[in-house]
């Protein structure tokens, strides 16, 4: 079966002048996938906007009503300094969430082996009651709930390798033991959440695994984390589906963070997650685009996801690696293993 590919031309319609989360992000990805002759190898599916019931999987009724108000407001609604909903934004946000939900549906219905959702605006900062951090709807969270409510899945693993902590995803599932949320992120950094001791609440205690990384960490540190923490946690959880919040703003050339990843390093994480899905859940994996604000880095990063999902060995990395020093990750790994009761 093919790799499903979901995107929509209307993703460029949400456009706040001068904003780093800009239409050129998705335009760059579209152009790179076309240049690499990858589009004809994937099965294109046109996303449908999520409806209010589906938004309600992750968000409050009051927030849904506010989105309807924004639809009809001449000037939109500013949620914070970085997050402005124009009158057209709520519909595009619904379409973005629909892209990720549609990707999950393609995989779980048997229409595809795996899937790539190239959507915007991103979603992992949107909390149940409001938008924040460039994000309006919890795209991945809504899709995970769809997998559970429509297809009856009992265990969904969400892995977030965006450089910013996915606080919205965490909040939505913080008291839930049916979703394991694993996040690697620069810390301390925006949005200020994602400390190592944020592990869940009530029934969900232990099902949030935050891996806070200091600025400057790169490929080697991330690879060690995946080998010694992410793999053991995933094996213990035994997911039926993996959804990846794929952000490329931890790259050394991205201007919104201070990490030292390369595209080869990201490709390694991507391929580890695909291998994880092959071993644990019959290959059922969906990648959803989150952050990444150097458009060339983002374009090649998403291209590398497509290569990996298609089973191709090619990795595109015109930026190379930097000469930064490796940082001792062993104390953090030891603390995480003890806190979460993990062993290799």
C-alpha atoms as a PDB file:
ATOM      1  CA  UNK A   1       0.000   0.000   0.000  1.00  0.00           C
ATOM      2  CA  UNK A   2       1.178   3.565  -0.593  1.00  0.00           C
ATOM      3  CA  UNK A   3       2.292   6.385   1.640  1.00  0.00           C
ATOM      4  CA  UNK A   4      -0.600   8.839   1.995  1.00  0.00           C
ATOM      5  CA  UNK A   5       0.185  12.510   1.473  1.00  0.00           C
ATOM      6  CA  UNK A   6      -2.197  15.161   2.780  1.00  0.00           C
ATOM      7  CA  UNK A   7      -1.944  18.874   2.109  1.00  0.00           C
ATOM      8  CA  UNK A   8      -4.221  21.630   0.807  1.00  0.00           C
ATOM      9  CA  UNK A   9      -3.653  24.757  -1.315  1.00  0.00           C
ATOM     10  CA  UNK A  10      -5.676  26.839   1.153  1.00  0.00           C
ATOM     11  CA  UNK A  11      -3.017  26.403   3.845  1.00  0.00           C
ATOM     12  CA  UNK A  12      -1.424  29.610   2.528  1.00  0.00           C
ATOM     13  CA  UNK A  13      -4.585  31.646   3.220  1.00  0.00           C
ATOM     14  CA  UNK A  14      -3.783  32.204   6.913  1.00  0.00           C
ATOM     15  CA  UNK A  15      -1.204  34.977   6.470  1.00  0.00           C
ATOM     16  CA  UNK A  16      -0.172  37.434   9.194  1.00  0.00           C
ATOM     17  CA  UNK A  17       2.322  39.855   7.576  1.00  0.00           C
ATOM     18  CA  UNK A  18       5.827  39.581   9.010  1.00  0.00           C
ATOM     19  CA  UNK A  19       5.005  36.523  11.103  1.00  0.00           C
ATOM     20  CA  UNK A  20       7.582  33.688  11.239  1.00  0.00           C
ATOM     21  CA  UNK A  21       4.785  31.099  10.814  1.00  0.00           C
ATOM     22  CA  UNK A  22       4.173  32.197   7.242  1.00  0.00           C
ATOM     23  CA  UNK A  23       2.784  30.711   4.027  1.00  0.00           C
ATOM     24  CA  UNK A  24       6.285  30.378   2.562  1.00  0.00           C
ATOM     25  CA  UNK A  25       6.876  27.518   5.000  1.00  0.00           C
ATOM     26  CA  UNK A  26       4.411  25.236   3.271  1.00  0.00           C
ATOM     27  CA  UNK A  27       5.227  26.621  -0.180  1.00  0.00           C
ATOM     28  CA  UNK A  28       8.870  25.626   0.335  1.00  0.00           C
ATOM     29  CA  UNK A  29       7.882  22.085   1.303  1.00  0.00           C
ATOM     30  CA  UNK A  30       5.596  21.732  -1.707  1.00  0.00           C
ATOM     31  CA  UNK A  31       8.367  22.912  -4.031  1.00  0.00           C
ATOM     32  CA  UNK A  32      10.994  20.591  -2.549  1.00  0.00           C
ATOM     33  CA  UNK A  33       8.752  17.512  -2.695  1.00  0.00           C
ATOM     34  CA  UNK A  34       8.044  18.311  -6.345  1.00  0.00           C
ATOM     35  CA  UNK A  35      11.718  18.950  -7.119  1.00  0.00           C
ATOM     36  CA  UNK A  36      12.665  15.595  -5.563  1.00  0.00           C
ATOM     37  CA  UNK A  37      10.021  13.769  -7.655  1.00  0.00           C
ATOM     38  CA  UNK A  38       8.315  12.491  -4.527  1.00  0.00           C
ATOM     39  CA  UNK A  39       4.749  13.593  -5.177  1.00  0.00           C
ATOM     40  CA  UNK A  40       4.011  10.915  -7.771  1.00  0.00           C
ATOM     41  CA  UNK A  41       5.274   8.228  -5.384  1.00  0.00           C
ATOM     42  CA  UNK A  42       2.718   9.070  -2.683  1.00  0.00           C
ATOM     43  CA  UNK A  43      -1.054   8.786  -2.675  1.00  0.00           C
ATOM     44  CA  UNK A  44      -2.529  12.280  -2.484  1.00  0.00           C
ATOM     45  CA  UNK A  45      -5.606  12.711  -0.291  1.00  0.00           C
ATOM     46  CA  UNK A  46      -7.424  16.043  -0.062  1.00  0.00           C
ATOM     47  CA  UNK A  47      -8.119  16.931   3.592  1.00  0.00           C
ATOM     48  CA  UNK A  48     -11.527  17.893   4.884  1.00  0.00           C
ATOM     49  CA  UNK A  49     -11.977  20.452   7.663  1.00  0.00           C
ATOM     50  CA  UNK A  50     -12.731  19.010  11.082  1.00  0.00           C
ATOM     51  CA  UNK A  51     -16.193  19.705  12.449  1.00  0.00           C
ATOM     52  CA  UNK A  52     -17.169  20.973  15.888  1.00  0.00           C
ATOM     53  CA  UNK A  53     -17.620  17.472  17.267  1.00  0.00           C
ATOM     54  CA  UNK A  54     -14.101  16.528  16.217  1.00  0.00           C
ATOM     55  CA  UNK A  55     -12.638  19.770  17.605  1.00  0.00           C
ATOM     56  CA  UNK A  56     -14.421  18.862  20.837  1.00  0.00           C
ATOM     57  CA  UNK A  57     -12.203  15.788  21.152  1.00  0.00           C
ATOM     58  CA  UNK A  58      -9.497  18.170  22.386  1.00  0.00           C
ATOM     59  CA  UNK A  59     -11.042  21.593  23.039  1.00  0.00           C
ATOM     60  CA  UNK A  60     -13.756  23.150  25.184  1.00  0.00           C
ATOM     61  CA  UNK A  61     -17.183  24.209  23.975  1.00  0.00           C
ATOM     62  CA  UNK A  62     -16.421  27.829  24.924  1.00  0.00           C
ATOM     63  CA  UNK A  63     -13.322  27.808  22.740  1.00  0.00           C
ATOM     64  CA  UNK A  64     -15.245  26.345  19.819  1.00  0.00           C
ATOM     65  CA  UNK A  65     -17.774  29.159  20.197  1.00  0.00           C
ATOM     66  CA  UNK A  66     -14.937  31.690  20.224  1.00  0.00           C
ATOM     67  CA  UNK A  67     -13.628  30.275  16.946  1.00  0.00           C
ATOM     68  CA  UNK A  68     -17.074  30.775  15.441  1.00  0.00           C
ATOM     69  CA  UNK A  69     -16.980  34.359  16.681  1.00  0.00           C
ATOM     70  CA  UNK A  70     -13.567  34.880  15.064  1.00  0.00           C
ATOM     71  CA  UNK A  71     -14.997  33.616  11.770  1.00  0.00           C
ATOM     72  CA  UNK A  72     -17.389  36.563  11.770  1.00  0.00           C
ATOM     73  CA  UNK A  73     -15.144  39.203  13.306  1.00  0.00           C
ATOM     74  CA  UNK A  74     -13.842  41.812  10.880  1.00  0.00           C
ATOM     75  CA  UNK A  75     -10.431  42.079  12.552  1.00  0.00           C
ATOM     76  CA  UNK A  76      -9.923  38.627  13.965  1.00  0.00           C
ATOM     77  CA  UNK A  77      -8.871  37.806  17.526  1.00  0.00           C
ATOM     78  CA  UNK A  78      -5.425  38.183  19.091  1.00  0.00           C
ATOM     79  CA  UNK A  79      -4.836  35.414  21.638  1.00  0.00           C
ATOM     80  CA  UNK A  80      -1.314  36.506  22.571  1.00  0.00           C
ATOM     81  CA  UNK A  81       1.531  38.548  21.116  1.00  0.00           C
ATOM     82  CA  UNK A  82       2.393  35.784  18.626  1.00  0.00           C
ATOM     83  CA  UNK A  83      -1.018  34.298  17.869  1.00  0.00           C
ATOM     84  CA  UNK A  84      -3.516  36.247  15.790  1.00  0.00           C
ATOM     85  CA  UNK A  85      -6.593  34.637  14.281  1.00  0.00           C
ATOM     86  CA  UNK A  86      -7.659  36.546  11.199  1.00  0.00           C
ATOM     87  CA  UNK A  87     -11.298  36.146  10.105  1.00  0.00           C
ATOM     88  CA  UNK A  88     -10.225  33.352   7.749  1.00  0.00           C
ATOM     89  CA  UNK A  89      -7.915  31.613  10.244  1.00  0.00           C
ATOM     90  CA  UNK A  90     -10.420  29.361  12.062  1.00  0.00           C
ATOM     91  CA  UNK A  91     -11.441  27.658   8.822  1.00  0.00           C
ATOM     92  CA  UNK A  92      -7.808  27.114   7.809  1.00  0.00           C
ATOM     93  CA  UNK A  93      -7.052  25.771  11.293  1.00  0.00           C
ATOM     94  CA  UNK A  94      -9.946  23.334  10.907  1.00  0.00           C
ATOM     95  CA  UNK A  95      -8.490  22.290   7.568  1.00  0.00           C
ATOM     96  CA  UNK A  96      -5.044  21.854   9.113  1.00  0.00           C
ATOM     97  CA  UNK A  97      -6.413  19.606  11.849  1.00  0.00           C
ATOM     98  CA  UNK A  98      -8.344  17.778   9.151  1.00  0.00           C
ATOM     99  CA  UNK A  99      -5.107  17.028   7.340  1.00  0.00           C
ATOM    100  CA  UNK A 100      -3.679  15.187  10.338  1.00  0.00           C
ATOM    101  CA  UNK A 101      -6.990  13.467  11.118  1.00  0.00           C
ATOM    102  CA  UNK A 102      -7.233  12.408   7.467  1.00  0.00           C
ATOM    103  CA  UNK A 103      -3.722  10.985   7.594  1.00  0.00           C
ATOM    104  CA  UNK A 104      -4.621   8.876  10.625  1.00  0.00           C
ATOM    105  CA  UNK A 105      -7.835   7.770   8.934  1.00  0.00           C
ATOM    106  CA  UNK A 106      -5.927   6.683   5.804  1.00  0.00           C
ATOM    107  CA  UNK A 107      -3.579   4.513   7.855  1.00  0.00           C
ATOM    108  CA  UNK A 108      -6.190   2.982  10.145  1.00  0.00           C
ATOM    109  CA  UNK A 109      -8.685   2.319   7.356  1.00  0.00           C
ATOM    110  CA  UNK A 110      -6.046   0.412   5.403  1.00  0.00           C
ATOM    111  CA  UNK A 111      -5.885   2.909   2.542  1.00  0.00           C
ATOM    112  CA  UNK A 112      -2.190   3.528   3.267  1.00  0.00           C
ATOM    113  CA  UNK A 113       0.687   1.966   5.167  1.00  0.00           C
ATOM    114  CA  UNK A 114       1.826   5.276   6.620  1.00  0.00           C
ATOM    115  CA  UNK A 115       1.181   8.960   6.050  1.00  0.00           C
ATOM    116  CA  UNK A 116       2.643  12.452   5.855  1.00  0.00           C
ATOM    117  CA  UNK A 117       0.520  15.518   6.670  1.00  0.00           C
ATOM    118  CA  UNK A 118       1.999  18.799   5.418  1.00  0.00           C
ATOM    119  CA  UNK A 119      -0.292  21.287   7.123  1.00  0.00           C
ATOM    120  CA  UNK A 120      -0.335  24.708   8.706  1.00  0.00           C
ATOM    121  CA  UNK A 121      -0.977  26.388  11.058  1.00  0.00           C
ATOM    122  CA  UNK A 122       0.734  23.991  13.472  1.00  0.00           C
ATOM    123  CA  UNK A 123      -1.033  22.656  16.535  1.00  0.00           C
ATOM    124  CA  UNK A 124       0.986  21.371  19.468  1.00  0.00           C
ATOM    125  CA  UNK A 125       0.754  24.562  21.586  1.00  0.00           C
ATOM    126  CA  UNK A 126      -3.047  24.902  21.369  1.00  0.00           C
ATOM    127  CA  UNK A 127      -4.479  24.137  24.789  1.00  0.00           C
ATOM    128  CA  UNK A 128      -8.075  22.998  25.395  1.00  0.00           C
ATOM    129  CA  UNK A 129      -9.445  26.481  26.065  1.00  0.00           C
ATOM    130  CA  UNK A 130      -7.466  28.713  23.701  1.00  0.00           C
ATOM    131  CA  UNK A 131      -4.894  29.224  20.989  1.00  0.00           C
ATOM    132  CA  UNK A 132      -1.265  30.064  21.714  1.00  0.00           C
ATOM    133  CA  UNK A 133       2.216  29.867  20.189  1.00  0.00           C
ATOM    134  CA  UNK A 134       1.150  30.135  16.526  1.00  0.00           C
ATOM    135  CA  UNK A 135      -1.279  27.213  17.081  1.00  0.00           C
ATOM    136  CA  UNK A 136      -5.092  27.262  16.990  1.00  0.00           C
ATOM    137  CA  UNK A 137      -6.199  23.617  17.171  1.00  0.00           C
ATOM    138  CA  UNK A 138      -4.485  20.559  18.601  1.00  0.00           C
ATOM    139  CA  UNK A 139      -4.033  18.853  15.242  1.00  0.00           C
ATOM    140  CA  UNK A 140      -2.243  15.766  16.524  1.00  0.00           C
ATOM    141  CA  UNK A 141      -4.406  15.507  19.648  1.00  0.00           C
ATOM    142  CA  UNK A 142      -7.626  15.612  17.626  1.00  0.00           C
ATOM    143  CA  UNK A 143      -6.259  12.937  15.298  1.00  0.00           C
ATOM    144  CA  UNK A 144      -5.235  10.718  18.219  1.00  0.00           C
ATOM    145  CA  UNK A 145      -8.721  10.975  19.717  1.00  0.00           C
ATOM    146  CA  UNK A 146     -10.199  10.124  16.302  1.00  0.00           C
ATOM    147  CA  UNK A 147      -8.098   6.961  16.286  1.00  0.00           C
ATOM    148  CA  UNK A 148      -9.524   6.024  19.667  1.00  0.00           C
ATOM    149  CA  UNK A 149     -13.165   7.028  19.253  1.00  0.00           C
ATOM    150  CA  UNK A 150     -13.719   5.932  15.667  1.00  0.00           C
ATOM    151  CA  UNK A 151     -11.310   2.999  15.375  1.00  0.00           C
ATOM    152  CA  UNK A 152     -11.272   1.834  18.992  1.00  0.00           C
ATOM    153  CA  UNK A 153      -7.520   2.071  19.562  1.00  0.00           C
ATOM    154  CA  UNK A 154      -6.515   1.608  23.177  1.00  0.00           C
ATOM    155  CA  UNK A 155      -2.933   2.944  23.035  1.00  0.00           C
ATOM    156  CA  UNK A 156      -1.585   5.821  20.926  1.00  0.00           C
ATOM    157  CA  UNK A 157       2.005   7.051  21.156  1.00  0.00           C
ATOM    158  CA  UNK A 158       2.682  10.705  20.323  1.00  0.00           C
ATOM    159  CA  UNK A 159       6.336  11.675  19.866  1.00  0.00           C
ATOM    160  CA  UNK A 160       7.152  15.379  19.536  1.00  0.00           C
ATOM    161  CA  UNK A 161      10.613  16.374  18.278  1.00  0.00           C
ATOM    162  CA  UNK A 162       9.815  20.032  17.679  1.00  0.00           C
ATOM    163  CA  UNK A 163      12.291  22.225  19.579  1.00  0.00           C
ATOM    164  CA  UNK A 164       9.459  23.743  21.636  1.00  0.00           C
ATOM    165  CA  UNK A 165       7.589  21.722  24.227  1.00  0.00           C
ATOM    166  CA  UNK A 166       4.174  20.553  23.012  1.00  0.00           C
ATOM    167  CA  UNK A 167       2.332  21.956  26.007  1.00  0.00           C
ATOM    168  CA  UNK A 168      -1.064  21.767  24.319  1.00  0.00           C
ATOM    169  CA  UNK A 169      -0.715  18.089  23.519  1.00  0.00           C
ATOM    170  CA  UNK A 170       0.488  17.468  27.053  1.00  0.00           C
ATOM    171  CA  UNK A 171      -2.449  19.319  28.619  1.00  0.00           C
ATOM    172  CA  UNK A 172      -5.019  17.425  26.572  1.00  0.00           C
ATOM    173  CA  UNK A 173      -3.699  14.010  27.642  1.00  0.00           C
ATOM    174  CA  UNK A 174      -2.172  14.802  31.043  1.00  0.00           C
ATOM    175  CA  UNK A 175      -4.590  12.608  33.010  1.00  0.00           C
ATOM    176  CA  UNK A 176      -4.930   9.899  30.347  1.00  0.00           C
ATOM    177  CA  UNK A 177      -3.164   6.533  30.375  1.00  0.00           C
ATOM    178  CA  UNK A 178      -4.266   5.636  26.842  1.00  0.00           C
ATOM    179  CA  UNK A 179      -1.867   8.128  25.232  1.00  0.00           C
ATOM    180  CA  UNK A 180       1.870   8.149  25.888  1.00  0.00           C
ATOM    181  CA  UNK A 181       3.262  11.606  25.107  1.00  0.00           C
ATOM    182  CA  UNK A 182       7.043  11.867  24.671  1.00  0.00           C
ATOM    183  CA  UNK A 183       8.641  15.251  23.992  1.00  0.00           C
ATOM    184  CA  UNK A 184      12.250  16.271  23.413  1.00  0.00           C
ATOM    185  CA  UNK A 185      12.642  20.053  23.574  1.00  0.00           C
ATOM    186  CA  UNK A 186      15.001  22.865  24.439  1.00  0.00           C
ATOM    187  CA  UNK A 187      14.560  23.810  28.093  1.00  0.00           C
ATOM    188  CA  UNK A 188      14.129  26.312  29.598  1.00  0.00           C
ATOM    189  CA  UNK A 189      12.519  27.859  26.542  1.00  0.00           C
ATOM    190  CA  UNK A 190       9.108  28.812  25.179  1.00  0.00           C
ATOM    191  CA  UNK A 191       6.446  28.030  26.397  1.00  0.00           C
ATOM    192  CA  UNK A 192       8.109  27.425  29.768  1.00  0.00           C
ATOM    193  CA  UNK A 193       6.614  23.978  30.300  1.00  0.00           C
ATOM    194  CA  UNK A 194       8.100  20.516  29.829  1.00  0.00           C
ATOM    195  CA  UNK A 195      10.122  20.067  33.004  1.00  0.00           C
ATOM    196  CA  UNK A 196      11.338  16.554  33.700  1.00  0.00           C
ATOM    197  CA  UNK A 197       8.975  16.172  36.679  1.00  0.00           C
ATOM    198  CA  UNK A 198       5.869  16.881  34.574  1.00  0.00           C
ATOM    199  CA  UNK A 199       4.879  13.227  34.215  1.00  0.00           C
ATOM    200  CA  UNK A 200       1.078  13.208  34.195  1.00  0.00           C
ATOM    201  CA  UNK A 201      -1.724  13.388  36.708  1.00  0.00           C
ATOM    202  CA  UNK A 202      -4.003  10.793  38.282  1.00  0.00           C
ATOM    203  CA  UNK A 203      -4.555   7.868  35.961  1.00  0.00           C
ATOM    204  CA  UNK A 204      -2.164   9.518  33.504  1.00  0.00           C
ATOM    205  CA  UNK A 205       0.795   9.666  35.870  1.00  0.00           C
ATOM    206  CA  UNK A 206       3.810   8.245  34.068  1.00  0.00           C
ATOM    207  CA  UNK A 207       2.275   8.660  30.615  1.00  0.00           C
ATOM    208  CA  UNK A 208       3.879  12.050  29.954  1.00  0.00           C
ATOM    209  CA  UNK A 209       7.619  11.738  29.365  1.00  0.00           C
ATOM    210  CA  UNK A 210       9.366  15.086  29.072  1.00  0.00           C
ATOM    211  CA  UNK A 211      12.991  15.158  27.967  1.00  0.00           C
ATOM    212  CA  UNK A 212      14.254  18.714  28.560  1.00  0.00           C
ATOM    213  CA  UNK A 213      17.478  19.427  26.683  1.00  0.00           C
ATOM    214  CA  UNK A 214      19.899  22.277  27.198  1.00  0.00           C
ATOM    215  CA  UNK A 215      20.724  24.641  24.355  1.00  0.00           C
ATOM    216  CA  UNK A 216      23.444  23.421  22.013  1.00  0.00           C
ATOM    217  CA  UNK A 217      22.552  19.747  22.025  1.00  0.00           C
ATOM    218  CA  UNK A 218      22.592  18.089  18.627  1.00  0.00           C
ATOM    219  CA  UNK A 219      22.524  14.817  16.743  1.00  0.00           C
ATOM    220  CA  UNK A 220      24.512  12.619  19.136  1.00  0.00           C
ATOM    221  CA  UNK A 221      22.523  13.648  22.207  1.00  0.00           C
ATOM    222  CA  UNK A 222      19.179  13.109  20.475  1.00  0.00           C
ATOM    223  CA  UNK A 223      20.270   9.724  19.140  1.00  0.00           C
ATOM    224  CA  UNK A 224      21.276   8.605  22.636  1.00  0.00           C
ATOM    225  CA  UNK A 225      17.942   9.766  24.054  1.00  0.00           C
ATOM    226  CA  UNK A 226      16.034   7.793  21.442  1.00  0.00           C
ATOM    227  CA  UNK A 227      18.092   4.640  21.999  1.00  0.00           C
ATOM    228  CA  UNK A 228      18.037   4.701  25.793  1.00  0.00           C
ATOM    229  CA  UNK A 229      14.739   6.424  26.646  1.00  0.00           C
ATOM    230  CA  UNK A 230      12.264   6.602  23.749  1.00  0.00           C
ATOM    231  CA  UNK A 231      12.702   3.009  22.583  1.00  0.00           C
ATOM    232  CA  UNK A 232      12.306   1.417  26.066  1.00  0.00           C
ATOM    233  CA  UNK A 233       9.288   3.604  26.852  1.00  0.00           C
ATOM    234  CA  UNK A 234       7.624   2.736  23.550  1.00  0.00           C
ATOM    235  CA  UNK A 235       8.297  -0.999  23.953  1.00  0.00           C
ATOM    236  CA  UNK A 236       6.736  -0.980  27.392  1.00  0.00           C
ATOM    237  CA  UNK A 237       3.671   0.948  26.168  1.00  0.00           C
ATOM    238  CA  UNK A 238       3.102  -1.208  23.044  1.00  0.00           C
ATOM    239  CA  UNK A 239       1.309   1.431  20.920  1.00  0.00           C
ATOM    240  CA  UNK A 240      -1.186   0.581  18.213  1.00  0.00           C
ATOM    241  CA  UNK A 241      -0.366   3.794  16.328  1.00  0.00           C
ATOM    242  CA  UNK A 242       2.445   6.371  16.421  1.00  0.00           C
ATOM    243  CA  UNK A 243       1.833  10.031  15.560  1.00  0.00           C
ATOM    244  CA  UNK A 244       4.856  12.318  15.259  1.00  0.00           C
ATOM    245  CA  UNK A 245       4.819  16.071  15.787  1.00  0.00           C
ATOM    246  CA  UNK A 246       7.656  16.833  13.383  1.00  0.00           C
ATOM    247  CA  UNK A 247       9.235  20.247  13.837  1.00  0.00           C
ATOM    248  CA  UNK A 248      12.617  21.230  12.410  1.00  0.00           C
ATOM    249  CA  UNK A 249      13.296  24.324  14.505  1.00  0.00           C
ATOM    250  CA  UNK A 250      16.001  22.527  16.498  1.00  0.00           C
ATOM    251  CA  UNK A 251      18.253  22.713  13.425  1.00  0.00           C
ATOM    252  CA  UNK A 252      21.445  24.729  13.799  1.00  0.00           C
ATOM    253  CA  UNK A 253      20.322  27.110  11.023  1.00  0.00           C
ATOM    254  CA  UNK A 254      16.888  27.890  12.495  1.00  0.00           C
ATOM    255  CA  UNK A 255      16.625  31.374  13.983  1.00  0.00           C
ATOM    256  CA  UNK A 256      13.995  30.722  16.663  1.00  0.00           C
ATOM    257  CA  UNK A 257      15.985  28.345  18.861  1.00  0.00           C
ATOM    258  CA  UNK A 258      19.503  27.481  19.967  1.00  0.00           C
ATOM    259  CA  UNK A 259      19.903  23.777  19.267  1.00  0.00           C
ATOM    260  CA  UNK A 260      22.478  22.093  17.065  1.00  0.00           C
ATOM    261  CA  UNK A 261      20.633  19.423  15.085  1.00  0.00           C
ATOM    262  CA  UNK A 262      21.444  18.626  11.456  1.00  0.00           C
ATOM    263  CA  UNK A 263      19.124  17.254   8.803  1.00  0.00           C
ATOM    264  CA  UNK A 264      21.000  13.953   9.010  1.00  0.00           C
ATOM    265  CA  UNK A 265      20.276  13.936  12.734  1.00  0.00           C
ATOM    266  CA  UNK A 266      16.588  14.548  12.153  1.00  0.00           C
ATOM    267  CA  UNK A 267      16.527  11.851   9.482  1.00  0.00           C
ATOM    268  CA  UNK A 268      17.941   9.418  12.025  1.00  0.00           C
ATOM    269  CA  UNK A 269      15.124  10.209  14.482  1.00  0.00           C
ATOM    270  CA  UNK A 270      12.545   9.845  11.707  1.00  0.00           C
ATOM    271  CA  UNK A 271      13.899   6.456  10.676  1.00  0.00           C
ATOM    272  CA  UNK A 272      14.073   5.258  14.275  1.00  0.00           C
ATOM    273  CA  UNK A 273      10.391   6.124  14.707  1.00  0.00           C
ATOM    274  CA  UNK A 274       9.458   4.323  11.494  1.00  0.00           C
ATOM    275  CA  UNK A 275      11.426   1.292  12.657  1.00  0.00           C
ATOM    276  CA  UNK A 276       9.647   1.570  16.015  1.00  0.00           C
ATOM    277  CA  UNK A 277       6.294   1.498  14.235  1.00  0.00           C
ATOM    278  CA  UNK A 278       7.376  -1.496  12.166  1.00  0.00           C
ATOM    279  CA  UNK A 279       8.381  -3.400  15.299  1.00  0.00           C
ATOM    280  CA  UNK A 280       5.517  -2.368  17.599  1.00  0.00           C
ATOM    281  CA  UNK A 281       2.403  -1.559  15.577  1.00  0.00           C
ATOM    282  CA  UNK A 282       2.561  -2.992  12.082  1.00  0.00           C
ATOM    283  CA  UNK A 283       4.154   0.125  10.577  1.00  0.00           C
ATOM    284  CA  UNK A 284       1.226   2.399  11.473  1.00  0.00           C
ATOM    285  CA  UNK A 285       2.800   5.846  11.719  1.00  0.00           C
ATOM    286  CA  UNK A 286       1.770   9.380  10.778  1.00  0.00           C
ATOM    287  CA  UNK A 287       4.062  12.407  10.580  1.00  0.00           C
ATOM    288  CA  UNK A 288       2.453  15.829  11.064  1.00  0.00           C
ATOM    289  CA  UNK A 289       4.357  19.038  10.317  1.00  0.00           C
ATOM    290  CA  UNK A 290       4.770  21.386  13.263  1.00  0.00           C
ATOM    291  CA  UNK A 291       7.478  24.096  13.534  1.00  0.00           C
ATOM    292  CA  UNK A 292      10.555  25.005  11.522  1.00  0.00           C
ATOM    293  CA  UNK A 293      11.135  28.584  10.430  1.00  0.00           C
ATOM    294  CA  UNK A 294      14.131  28.372   8.127  1.00  0.00           C
ATOM    295  CA  UNK A 295      12.101  27.395   5.085  1.00  0.00           C
ATOM    296  CA  UNK A 296      14.974  25.584   3.344  1.00  0.00           C
ATOM    297  CA  UNK A 297      15.681  23.460   6.411  1.00  0.00           C
ATOM    298  CA  UNK A 298      11.987  22.692   6.793  1.00  0.00           C
ATOM    299  CA  UNK A 299      11.617  21.754   3.130  1.00  0.00           C
ATOM    300  CA  UNK A 300      14.525  19.311   3.179  1.00  0.00           C
ATOM    301  CA  UNK A 301      13.465  17.948   6.574  1.00  0.00           C
ATOM    302  CA  UNK A 302       9.994  17.088   5.317  1.00  0.00           C
ATOM    303  CA  UNK A 303      11.478  15.720   2.102  1.00  0.00           C
ATOM    304  CA  UNK A 304      13.565  13.350   4.222  1.00  0.00           C
ATOM    305  CA  UNK A 305      10.437  12.154   6.035  1.00  0.00           C
ATOM    306  CA  UNK A 306       8.897  11.319   2.656  1.00  0.00           C
ATOM    307  CA  UNK A 307      11.998   9.401   1.564  1.00  0.00           C
ATOM    308  CA  UNK A 308      11.944   7.412   4.802  1.00  0.00           C
ATOM    309  CA  UNK A 309       8.222   6.615   4.673  1.00  0.00           C
ATOM    310  CA  UNK A 310       8.669   5.384   1.096  1.00  0.00           C
ATOM    311  CA  UNK A 311      11.505   3.102   2.174  1.00  0.00           C
ATOM    312  CA  UNK A 312      14.149   5.083   0.287  1.00  0.00           C
ATOM    313  CA  UNK A 313      17.681   5.497   1.626  1.00  0.00           C
ATOM    314  CA  UNK A 314      18.225   9.022   0.328  1.00  0.00           C
ATOM    315  CA  UNK A 315      18.834  11.842   2.824  1.00  0.00           C
ATOM    316  CA  UNK A 316      19.000  15.427   1.607  1.00  0.00           C
ATOM    317  CA  UNK A 317      21.205  17.713   3.726  1.00  0.00           C
ATOM    318  CA  UNK A 318      22.619  20.785   1.985  1.00  0.00           C
ATOM    319  CA  UNK A 319      23.464  22.395   5.363  1.00  0.00           C
ATOM    320  CA  UNK A 320      25.726  19.737   6.862  1.00  0.00           C
ATOM    321  CA  UNK A 321      26.691  19.616  10.527  1.00  0.00           C
ATOM    322  CA  UNK A 322      28.343  22.232  12.709  1.00  0.00           C
ATOM    323  CA  UNK A 323      31.469  21.873  14.784  1.00  0.00           C
ATOM    324  CA  UNK A 324      29.751  22.202  18.137  1.00  0.00           C
ATOM    325  CA  UNK A 325      30.964  20.045  21.004  1.00  0.00           C
ATOM    326  CA  UNK A 326      28.984  17.098  22.286  1.00  0.00           C
ATOM    327  CA  UNK A 327      27.327  17.667  25.664  1.00  0.00           C
ATOM    328  CA  UNK A 328      27.317  14.956  28.323  1.00  0.00           C
ATOM    329  CA  UNK A 329      23.789  13.529  28.182  1.00  0.00           C
ATOM    330  CA  UNK A 330      24.439  10.631  30.578  1.00  0.00           C
ATOM    331  CA  UNK A 331      23.203  12.356  33.776  1.00  0.00           C
ATOM    332  CA  UNK A 332      19.888  13.297  32.133  1.00  0.00           C
ATOM    333  CA  UNK A 333      19.434   9.780  30.750  1.00  0.00           C
ATOM    334  CA  UNK A 334      20.140   8.273  34.157  1.00  0.00           C
ATOM    335  CA  UNK A 335      17.634  10.577  35.826  1.00  0.00           C
ATOM    336  CA  UNK A 336      14.955   9.821  33.221  1.00  0.00           C
ATOM    337  CA  UNK A 337      15.494   6.085  33.512  1.00  0.00           C
ATOM    338  CA  UNK A 338      15.126   6.243  37.276  1.00  0.00           C
ATOM    339  CA  UNK A 339      12.101   8.566  37.200  1.00  0.00           C
ATOM    340  CA  UNK A 340      10.225   6.468  34.640  1.00  0.00           C
ATOM    341  CA  UNK A 341      11.481   3.018  35.649  1.00  0.00           C
ATOM    342  CA  UNK A 342      13.100   2.321  32.292  1.00  0.00           C
ATOM    343  CA  UNK A 343      15.837  -0.094  31.305  1.00  0.00           C
ATOM    344  CA  UNK A 344      17.435  -0.807  27.949  1.00  0.00           C
END
